[in-house]
PDB file of N, CA and C in Angstrom:
ATOM      1  N   MET A   1       0.675  -7.741 -17.087  1.00  0.00           N
ATOM      2  CA  MET A   1      -0.117  -6.556 -16.916  1.00  0.00           C
ATOM      3  C   MET A   1       0.426  -5.641 -15.831  1.00  0.00           C
ATOM      4  N   ALA A   2       0.965  -6.245 -14.755  1.00  0.00           N
ATOM      5  CA  ALA A   2       1.434  -5.448 -13.616  1.00  0.00           C
ATOM      6  C   ALA A   2       2.581  -6.167 -12.916  1.00  0.00           C
ATOM      7  N   VAL A   3       3.401  -5.367 -12.228  1.00  0.00           N
ATOM      8  CA  VAL A   3       4.506  -5.899 -11.434  1.00  0.00           C
ATOM      9  C   VAL A   3       4.500  -5.167 -10.098  1.00  0.00           C
ATOM     10  N   ALA A   4       4.648  -5.926  -9.012  1.00  0.00           N
ATOM     11  CA  ALA A   4       4.776  -5.333  -7.678  1.00  0.00           C
ATOM     12  C   ALA A   4       6.094  -5.809  -7.084  1.00  0.00           C
ATOM     13  N   VAL A   5       7.019  -4.886  -6.888  1.00  0.00           N
ATOM     14  CA  VAL A   5       8.300  -5.193  -6.267  1.00  0.00           C
ATOM     15  C   VAL A   5       8.091  -5.077  -4.759  1.00  0.00           C
ATOM     16  N   THR A   6       8.410  -6.147  -4.034  1.00  0.00           N
ATOM     17  CA  THR A   6       8.125  -6.208  -2.606  1.00  0.00           C
ATOM     18  C   THR A   6       9.349  -6.683  -1.843  1.00  0.00           C
ATOM     19  N   ASP A   7       9.761  -5.917  -0.832  1.00  0.00           N
ATOM     20  CA  ASP A   7      10.829  -6.351   0.069  1.00  0.00           C
ATOM     21  C   ASP A   7      10.219  -7.181   1.188  1.00  0.00           C
ATOM     22  N   ILE A   8      11.003  -8.146   1.660  1.00  0.00           N
ATOM     23  CA  ILE A   8      10.579  -8.997   2.768  1.00  0.00           C
ATOM     24  C   ILE A   8      11.528  -8.748   3.931  1.00  0.00           C
ATOM     25  N   THR A   9      10.958  -8.406   5.093  1.00  0.00           N
ATOM     26  CA  THR A   9      11.753  -8.267   6.302  1.00  0.00           C
ATOM     27  C   THR A   9      11.244  -9.272   7.324  1.00  0.00           C
ATOM     28  N   GLU A  10      11.841  -9.278   8.490  1.00  0.00           N
ATOM     29  CA  GLU A  10      11.455 -10.241   9.516  1.00  0.00           C
ATOM     30  C   GLU A  10      10.000 -10.092   9.947  1.00  0.00           C
ATOM     31  N   ASP A  11       9.515  -8.859  10.029  1.00  0.00           N
ATOM     32  CA  ASP A  11       8.152  -8.656  10.535  1.00  0.00           C
ATOM     33  C   ASP A  11       7.267  -7.838   9.598  1.00  0.00           C
ATOM     34  N   ALA A  12       7.668  -7.716   8.316  1.00  0.00           N
ATOM     35  CA  ALA A  12       6.866  -6.901   7.402  1.00  0.00           C
ATOM     36  C   ALA A  12       7.163  -7.219   5.946  1.00  0.00           C
ATOM     37  N   LEU A  13       6.184  -6.920   5.121  1.00  0.00           N
ATOM     38  CA  LEU A  13       6.401  -6.799   3.690  1.00  0.00           C
ATOM     39  C   LEU A  13       6.426  -5.308   3.410  1.00  0.00           C
ATOM     40  N   SER A  14       7.205  -4.900   2.443  1.00  0.00           N
ATOM     41  CA  SER A  14       7.291  -3.491   2.085  1.00  0.00           C
ATOM     42  C   SER A  14       7.057  -3.351   0.588  1.00  0.00           C
ATOM     43  N   ALA A  15       5.970  -2.663   0.237  1.00  0.00           N
ATOM     44  CA  ALA A  15       5.621  -2.440  -1.164  1.00  0.00           C
ATOM     45  C   ALA A  15       6.554  -1.372  -1.722  1.00  0.00           C
ATOM     46  N   VAL A  16       7.600  -1.797  -2.398  1.00  0.00           N
ATOM     47  CA  VAL A  16       8.630  -0.893  -2.889  1.00  0.00           C
ATOM     48  C   VAL A  16       8.121  -0.086  -4.080  1.00  0.00           C
ATOM     49  N   TYR A  17       7.595  -0.767  -5.072  1.00  0.00           N
ATOM     50  CA  TYR A  17       7.147  -0.086  -6.279  1.00  0.00           C
ATOM     51  C   TYR A  17       6.202  -1.000  -7.035  1.00  0.00           C
ATOM     52  N   THR A  18       5.149  -0.430  -7.565  1.00  0.00           N
ATOM     53  CA  THR A  18       4.200  -1.175  -8.393  1.00  0.00           C
ATOM     54  C   THR A  18       4.010  -0.404  -9.689  1.00  0.00           C
ATOM     55  N   PHE A  19       4.036  -1.109 -10.783  1.00  0.00           N
ATOM     56  CA  PHE A  19       3.754  -0.462 -12.057  1.00  0.00           C
ATOM     57  C   PHE A  19       2.912  -1.388 -12.914  1.00  0.00           C
ATOM     58  N   TYR A  20       2.160  -0.773 -13.832  1.00  0.00           N
ATOM     59  CA  TYR A  20       1.256  -1.545 -14.675  1.00  0.00           C
ATOM     60  C   TYR A  20       1.043  -0.805 -15.986  1.00  0.00           C
ATOM     61  N   ASP A  21       0.483  -1.517 -16.926  1.00  0.00           N
ATOM     62  CA  ASP A  21       0.181  -0.949 -18.238  1.00  0.00           C
ATOM     63  C   ASP A  21      -0.860   0.153 -18.065  1.00  0.00           C
ATOM     64  N   PRO A  22      -0.532   1.395 -18.394  1.00  0.00           N
ATOM     65  CA  PRO A  22      -1.485   2.485 -18.198  1.00  0.00           C
ATOM     66  C   PRO A  22      -2.785   2.303 -18.983  1.00  0.00           C
ATOM     67  N   ALA A  23      -2.747   1.521 -20.041  1.00  0.00           N
ATOM     68  CA  ALA A  23      -3.971   1.263 -20.807  1.00  0.00           C
ATOM     69  C   ALA A  23      -4.963   0.432 -19.994  1.00  0.00           C
ATOM     70  N   LEU A  24      -4.486  -0.170 -18.906  1.00  0.00           N
ATOM     71  CA  LEU A  24      -5.346  -1.023 -18.074  1.00  0.00           C
ATOM     72  C   LEU A  24      -5.664  -0.385 -16.726  1.00  0.00           C
ATOM     73  N   ALA A  25      -5.523   0.920 -16.620  1.00  0.00           N
ATOM     74  CA  ALA A  25      -5.742   1.614 -15.341  1.00  0.00           C
ATOM     75  C   ALA A  25      -7.125   1.357 -14.764  1.00  0.00           C
ATOM     76  N   ALA A  26      -8.124   1.196 -15.589  1.00  0.00           N
ATOM     77  CA  ALA A  26      -9.493   0.963 -15.109  1.00  0.00           C
ATOM     78  C   ALA A  26      -9.626  -0.358 -14.357  1.00  0.00           C
ATOM     79  N   ARG A  27      -8.660  -1.236 -14.482  1.00  0.00           N
ATOM     80  CA  ARG A  27      -8.705  -2.534 -13.786  1.00  0.00           C
ATOM     81  C   ARG A  27      -8.208  -2.452 -12.348  1.00  0.00           C
ATOM     82  N   SER A  28      -7.752  -1.275 -11.919  1.00  0.00           N
ATOM     83  CA  SER A  28      -7.283  -1.060 -10.537  1.00  0.00           C
ATOM     84  C   SER A  28      -6.194  -2.048 -10.142  1.00  0.00           C
ATOM     85  N   LEU A  29      -5.216  -2.204 -11.007  1.00  0.00           N
ATOM     86  CA  LEU A  29      -4.154  -3.185 -10.763  1.00  0.00           C
ATOM     87  C   LEU A  29      -3.283  -2.815  -9.570  1.00  0.00           C
ATOM     88  N   GLY A  30      -3.107  -1.531  -9.274  1.00  0.00           N
ATOM     89  CA  GLY A  30      -2.362  -1.134  -8.083  1.00  0.00           C
ATOM     90  C   GLY A  30      -3.054  -1.601  -6.813  1.00  0.00           C
ATOM     91  N   THR A  31      -4.366  -1.414  -6.759  1.00  0.00           N
ATOM     92  CA  THR A  31      -5.140  -1.884  -5.610  1.00  0.00           C
ATOM     93  C   THR A  31      -5.096  -3.406  -5.533  1.00  0.00           C
ATOM     94  N   PHE A  32      -5.218  -4.067  -6.677  1.00  0.00           N
ATOM     95  CA  PHE A  32      -5.135  -5.524  -6.706  1.00  0.00           C
ATOM     96  C   PHE A  32      -3.785  -6.002  -6.164  1.00  0.00           C
ATOM     97  N   ALA A  33      -2.716  -5.313  -6.534  1.00  0.00           N
ATOM     98  CA  ALA A  33      -1.380  -5.693  -6.051  1.00  0.00           C
ATOM     99  C   ALA A  33      -1.306  -5.589  -4.532  1.00  0.00           C
ATOM    100  N   ILE A  34      -1.861  -4.522  -3.967  1.00  0.00           N
ATOM    101  CA  ILE A  34      -1.858  -4.373  -2.509  1.00  0.00           C
ATOM    102  C   ILE A  34      -2.669  -5.482  -1.858  1.00  0.00           C
ATOM    103  N   LEU A  35      -3.820  -5.798  -2.406  1.00  0.00           N
ATOM    104  CA  LEU A  35      -4.634  -6.880  -1.833  1.00  0.00           C
ATOM    105  C   LEU A  35      -3.888  -8.206  -1.870  1.00  0.00           C
ATOM    106  N   GLN A  36      -3.105  -8.438  -2.922  1.00  0.00           N
ATOM    107  CA  GLN A  36      -2.298  -9.652  -2.993  1.00  0.00           C
ATOM    108  C   GLN A  36      -1.203  -9.639  -1.931  1.00  0.00           C
ATOM    109  N   GLN A  37      -0.601  -8.467  -1.680  1.00  0.00           N
ATOM    110  CA  GLN A  37       0.420  -8.364  -0.641  1.00  0.00           C
ATOM    111  C   GLN A  37      -0.194  -8.544   0.745  1.00  0.00           C
ATOM    112  N   VAL A  38      -1.392  -8.027   0.967  1.00  0.00           N
ATOM    113  CA  VAL A  38      -2.101  -8.240   2.237  1.00  0.00           C
ATOM    114  C   VAL A  38      -2.336  -9.735   2.443  1.00  0.00           C
ATOM    115  N   ALA A  39      -2.802 -10.410   1.403  1.00  0.00           N
ATOM    116  CA  ALA A  39      -3.052 -11.855   1.497  1.00  0.00           C
ATOM    117  C   ALA A  39      -1.757 -12.622   1.753  1.00  0.00           C
ATOM    118  N   TRP A  40      -0.679 -12.224   1.103  1.00  0.00           N
ATOM    119  CA  TRP A  40       0.628 -12.861   1.283  1.00  0.00           C
ATOM    120  C   TRP A  40       1.070 -12.718   2.732  1.00  0.00           C
ATOM    121  N   ALA A  41       0.988 -11.501   3.274  1.00  0.00           N
ATOM    122  CA  ALA A  41       1.382 -11.269   4.673  1.00  0.00           C
ATOM    123  C   ALA A  41       0.534 -12.114   5.621  1.00  0.00           C
ATOM    124  N   ALA A  42      -0.764 -12.155   5.385  1.00  0.00           N
ATOM    125  CA  ALA A  42      -1.655 -12.949   6.256  1.00  0.00           C
ATOM    126  C   ALA A  42      -1.298 -14.429   6.188  1.00  0.00           C
ATOM    127  N   ARG A  43      -1.078 -14.929   4.992  1.00  0.00           N
ATOM    128  CA  ARG A  43      -0.741 -16.345   4.797  1.00  0.00           C
ATOM    129  C   ARG A  43       0.547 -16.723   5.523  1.00  0.00           C
ATOM    130  N   GLU A  44       1.522 -15.812   5.545  1.00  0.00           N
ATOM    131  CA  GLU A  44       2.823 -16.072   6.155  1.00  0.00           C
ATOM    132  C   GLU A  44       2.908 -15.637   7.614  1.00  0.00           C
ATOM    133  N   GLY A  45       1.811 -15.074   8.147  1.00  0.00           N
ATOM    134  CA  GLY A  45       1.823 -14.605   9.535  1.00  0.00           C
ATOM    135  C   GLY A  45       2.688 -13.368   9.730  1.00  0.00           C
ATOM    136  N   ILE A  46       2.846 -12.566   8.684  1.00  0.00           N
ATOM    137  CA  ILE A  46       3.647 -11.341   8.747  1.00  0.00           C
ATOM    138  C   ILE A  46       2.729 -10.215   9.215  1.00  0.00           C
ATOM    139  N   PRO A  47       3.057  -9.540  10.317  1.00  0.00           N
ATOM    140  CA  PRO A  47       2.106  -8.610  10.927  1.00  0.00           C
ATOM    141  C   PRO A  47       1.940  -7.253  10.249  1.00  0.00           C
ATOM    142  N   HIS A  48       2.858  -6.861   9.364  1.00  0.00           N
ATOM    143  CA  HIS A  48       2.784  -5.513   8.791  1.00  0.00           C
ATOM    144  C   HIS A  48       3.010  -5.535   7.283  1.00  0.00           C
ATOM    145  N   LEU A  49       2.347  -4.594   6.612  1.00  0.00           N
ATOM    146  CA  LEU A  49       2.611  -4.307   5.206  1.00  0.00           C
ATOM    147  C   LEU A  49       2.813  -2.808   5.098  1.00  0.00           C
ATOM    148  N   TYR A  50       3.995  -2.409   4.681  1.00  0.00           N
ATOM    149  CA  TYR A  50       4.296  -0.995   4.475  1.00  0.00           C
ATOM    150  C   TYR A  50       3.955  -0.637   3.037  1.00  0.00           C
ATOM    151  N   LEU A  51       3.116   0.361   2.870  1.00  0.00           N
ATOM    152  CA  LEU A  51       2.693   0.762   1.531  1.00  0.00           C
ATOM    153  C   LEU A  51       3.635   1.776   0.908  1.00  0.00           C
ATOM    154  N   GLY A  52       4.658   2.155   1.628  1.00  0.00           N
ATOM    155  CA  GLY A  52       5.677   3.021   1.053  1.00  0.00           C
ATOM    156  C   GLY A  52       5.354   4.495   1.162  1.00  0.00           C
ATOM    157  N   TYR A  53       6.130   5.255   0.443  1.00  0.00           N
ATOM    158  CA  TYR A  53       6.071   6.709   0.471  1.00  0.00           C
ATOM    159  C   TYR A  53       4.674   7.208   0.122  1.00  0.00           C
ATOM    160  N   TRP A  54       4.257   8.263   0.805  1.00  0.00           N
ATOM    161  CA  TRP A  54       2.924   8.818   0.589  1.00  0.00           C
ATOM    162  C   TRP A  54       2.966  10.323   0.826  1.00  0.00           C
ATOM    163  N   ILE A  55       2.305  11.062  -0.040  1.00  0.00           N
ATOM    164  CA  ILE A  55       2.166  12.511   0.103  1.00  0.00           C
ATOM    165  C   ILE A  55       0.684  12.815   0.236  1.00  0.00           C
ATOM    166  N   ASP A  56       0.297  13.427   1.328  1.00  0.00           N
ATOM    167  CA  ASP A  56      -1.103  13.764   1.565  1.00  0.00           C
ATOM    168  C   ASP A  56      -1.635  14.640   0.433  1.00  0.00           C
ATOM    169  N   GLY A  57      -2.775  14.247  -0.117  1.00  0.00           N
ATOM    170  CA  GLY A  57      -3.413  15.016  -1.172  1.00  0.00           C
ATOM    171  C   GLY A  57      -2.895  14.744  -2.574  1.00  0.00           C
ATOM    172  N   HIS A  58      -1.858  13.918  -2.687  1.00  0.00           N
ATOM    173  CA  HIS A  58      -1.315  13.586  -4.005  1.00  0.00           C
ATOM    174  C   HIS A  58      -2.256  12.595  -4.681  1.00  0.00           C
ATOM    175  N   ARG A  59      -2.818  12.988  -5.802  1.00  0.00           N
ATOM    176  CA  ARG A  59      -3.847  12.189  -6.475  1.00  0.00           C
ATOM    177  C   ARG A  59      -3.427  10.741  -6.713  1.00  0.00           C
ATOM    178  N   LYS A  60      -2.206  10.514  -7.129  1.00  0.00           N
ATOM    179  CA  LYS A  60      -1.774   9.150  -7.451  1.00  0.00           C
ATOM    180  C   LYS A  60      -1.401   8.338  -6.213  1.00  0.00           C
ATOM    181  N   MET A  61      -1.356   8.959  -5.047  1.00  0.00           N
ATOM    182  CA  MET A  61      -1.008   8.236  -3.821  1.00  0.00           C
ATOM    183  C   MET A  61      -2.174   8.100  -2.856  1.00  0.00           C
ATOM    184  N   ASP A  62      -3.238   8.843  -3.083  1.00  0.00           N
ATOM    185  CA  ASP A  62      -4.361   8.839  -2.134  1.00  0.00           C
ATOM    186  C   ASP A  62      -5.055   7.485  -1.996  1.00  0.00           C
ATOM    187  N   TYR A  63      -4.915   6.598  -2.980  1.00  0.00           N
ATOM    188  CA  TYR A  63      -5.542   5.283  -2.868  1.00  0.00           C
ATOM    189  C   TYR A  63      -5.054   4.543  -1.624  1.00  0.00           C
ATOM    190  N   LYS A  64      -3.859   4.863  -1.148  1.00  0.00           N
ATOM    191  CA  LYS A  64      -3.309   4.175   0.023  1.00  0.00           C
ATOM    192  C   LYS A  64      -4.154   4.429   1.265  1.00  0.00           C
ATOM    193  N   ARG A  65      -4.855   5.564   1.307  1.00  0.00           N
ATOM    194  CA  ARG A  65      -5.696   5.889   2.465  1.00  0.00           C
ATOM    195  C   ARG A  65      -6.867   4.926   2.611  1.00  0.00           C
ATOM    196  N   ARG A  66      -7.197   4.184   1.559  1.00  0.00           N
ATOM    197  CA  ARG A  66      -8.320   3.240   1.624  1.00  0.00           C
ATOM    198  C   ARG A  66      -8.001   2.012   2.468  1.00  0.00           C
ATOM    199  N   PHE A  67      -6.739   1.777   2.745  1.00  0.00           N
ATOM    200  CA  PHE A  67      -6.334   0.578   3.478  1.00  0.00           C
ATOM    201  C   PHE A  67      -6.155   0.934   4.943  1.00  0.00           C
ATOM    202  N   GLN A  68      -6.965   0.328   5.787  1.00  0.00           N
ATOM    203  CA  GLN A  68      -6.998   0.643   7.214  1.00  0.00           C
ATOM    204  C   GLN A  68      -6.733  -0.626   8.023  1.00  0.00           C
ATOM    205  N   PRO A  69      -6.166  -0.524   9.209  1.00  0.00           N
ATOM    206  CA  PRO A  69      -5.706   0.700   9.845  1.00  0.00           C
ATOM    207  C   PRO A  69      -4.443   1.210   9.159  1.00  0.00           C
ATOM    208  N   LEU A  70      -4.277   2.515   9.162  1.00  0.00           N
ATOM    209  CA  LEU A  70      -3.166   3.157   8.475  1.00  0.00           C
ATOM    210  C   LEU A  70      -2.386   3.996   9.470  1.00  0.00           C
ATOM    211  N   GLU A  71      -1.074   3.855   9.439  1.00  0.00           N
ATOM    212  CA  GLU A  71      -0.208   4.633  10.321  1.00  0.00           C
ATOM    213  C   GLU A  71       0.849   5.347   9.495  1.00  0.00           C
ATOM    214  N   ALA A  72       1.384   6.421  10.052  1.00  0.00           N
ATOM    215  CA  ALA A  72       2.472   7.160   9.412  1.00  0.00           C
ATOM    216  C   ALA A  72       3.619   7.298  10.407  1.00  0.00           C
ATOM    217  N   PHE A  73       4.824   7.262   9.883  1.00  0.00           N
ATOM    218  CA  PHE A  73       6.023   7.426  10.699  1.00  0.00           C
ATOM    219  C   PHE A  73       6.486   8.871  10.573  1.00  0.00           C
ATOM    220  N   ASP A  74       6.664   9.551  11.693  1.00  0.00           N
ATOM    221  CA  ASP A  74       7.045  10.971  11.661  1.00  0.00           C
ATOM    222  C   ASP A  74       8.527  11.198  11.952  1.00  0.00           C
ATOM    223  N   GLY A  75       9.319  10.138  11.918  1.00  0.00           N
ATOM    224  CA  GLY A  75      10.739  10.250  12.217  1.00  0.00           C
ATOM    225  C   GLY A  75      11.069   9.809  13.628  1.00  0.00           C
ATOM    226  N   ARG A  76      10.055   9.783  14.487  1.00  0.00           N
ATOM    227  CA  ARG A  76      10.258   9.344  15.876  1.00  0.00           C
ATOM    228  C   ARG A  76       9.405   8.144  16.236  1.00  0.00           C
ATOM    229  N   GLY A  77       8.251   8.009  15.593  1.00  0.00           N
ATOM    230  CA  GLY A  77       7.360   6.896  15.923  1.00  0.00           C
ATOM    231  C   GLY A  77       6.195   6.814  14.954  1.00  0.00           C
ATOM    232  N   TRP A  78       5.455   5.725  15.085  1.00  0.00           N
ATOM    233  CA  TRP A  78       4.287   5.476  14.239  1.00  0.00           C
ATOM    234  C   TRP A  78       3.050   6.053  14.903  1.00  0.00           C
ATOM    235  N   HIS A  79       2.191   6.687  14.088  1.00  0.00           N
ATOM    236  CA  HIS A  79       0.965   7.304  14.592  1.00  0.00           C
ATOM    237  C   HIS A  79      -0.198   6.972  13.665  1.00  0.00           C
ATOM    238  N   PRO A  80      -1.383   6.656  14.240  1.00  0.00           N
ATOM    239  CA  PRO A  80      -2.546   6.369  13.404  1.00  0.00           C
ATOM    240  C   PRO A  80      -2.951   7.578  12.568  1.00  0.00           C
ATOM    241  N   LEU A  81      -3.353   7.315  11.340  1.00  0.00           N
ATOM    242  CA  LEU A  81      -3.922   8.352  10.491  1.00  0.00           C
ATOM    243  C   LEU A  81      -5.431   8.149  10.453  1.00  0.00           C
ATOM    244  N   PRO A  82      -6.194   9.222  10.583  1.00  0.00           N
ATOM    245  CA  PRO A  82      -7.646   9.046  10.534  1.00  0.00           C
ATOM    246  C   PRO A  82      -8.105   8.623   9.149  1.00  0.00           C
ATOM    247  N   GLN A  83      -9.160   7.825   9.133  1.00  0.00           N
ATOM    248  CA  GLN A  83      -9.719   7.382   7.879  1.00  0.00           C
ATOM    249  C   GLN A  83     -10.545   8.506   7.261  1.00  0.00           C
ATOM    250  N   HIS A  84     -10.450   8.665   5.957  1.00  0.00           N
ATOM    251  CA  HIS A  84     -11.316   9.591   5.240  1.00  0.00           C
ATOM    252  C   HIS A  84     -11.554   9.043   3.856  1.00  0.00           C
ATOM    253  N   ASP A  85     -12.653   9.446   3.273  1.00  0.00           N
ATOM    254  CA  ASP A  85     -12.994   8.968   1.936  1.00  0.00           C
ATOM    255  C   ASP A  85     -12.086   9.623   0.909  1.00  0.00           C
ATOM    256  N   THR A  86     -11.676   8.828  -0.074  1.00  0.00           N
ATOM    257  CA  THR A  86     -10.874   9.372  -1.163  1.00  0.00           C
ATOM    258  C   THR A  86     -11.679   9.251  -2.437  1.00  0.00           C
ATOM    259  N   PRO A  87     -11.499  10.147  -3.351  1.00  0.00           N
ATOM    260  CA  PRO A  87     -12.206  10.046  -4.627  1.00  0.00           C
ATOM    261  C   PRO A  87     -11.815   8.774  -5.365  1.00  0.00           C
ATOM    262  N   ALA A  88     -12.748   8.209  -6.073  1.00  0.00           N
ATOM    263  CA  ALA A  88     -12.479   6.979  -6.837  1.00  0.00           C
ATOM    264  C   ALA A  88     -11.641   7.258  -8.046  1.00  0.00           C
TER     265      ALA A  88
END
């Protein structure tokens, strides 16, 4: 139903790409994949999960804002992003 390609580094998992059968979009498989990666990181004592590229306001990427705490890298350092509600 779904595939999540994940890189493993010394101190993080990195969600490279996730894809799933579009006929099953109502099952929230992308969110499920992230929750599985969160559980994997916790189980292995890995302190970070990078959710990958994100564009503010992009409908298909806004689900990433639901996962907190959330930080963004601006080219010089990591900065917290404020939490806000995203449409379901």
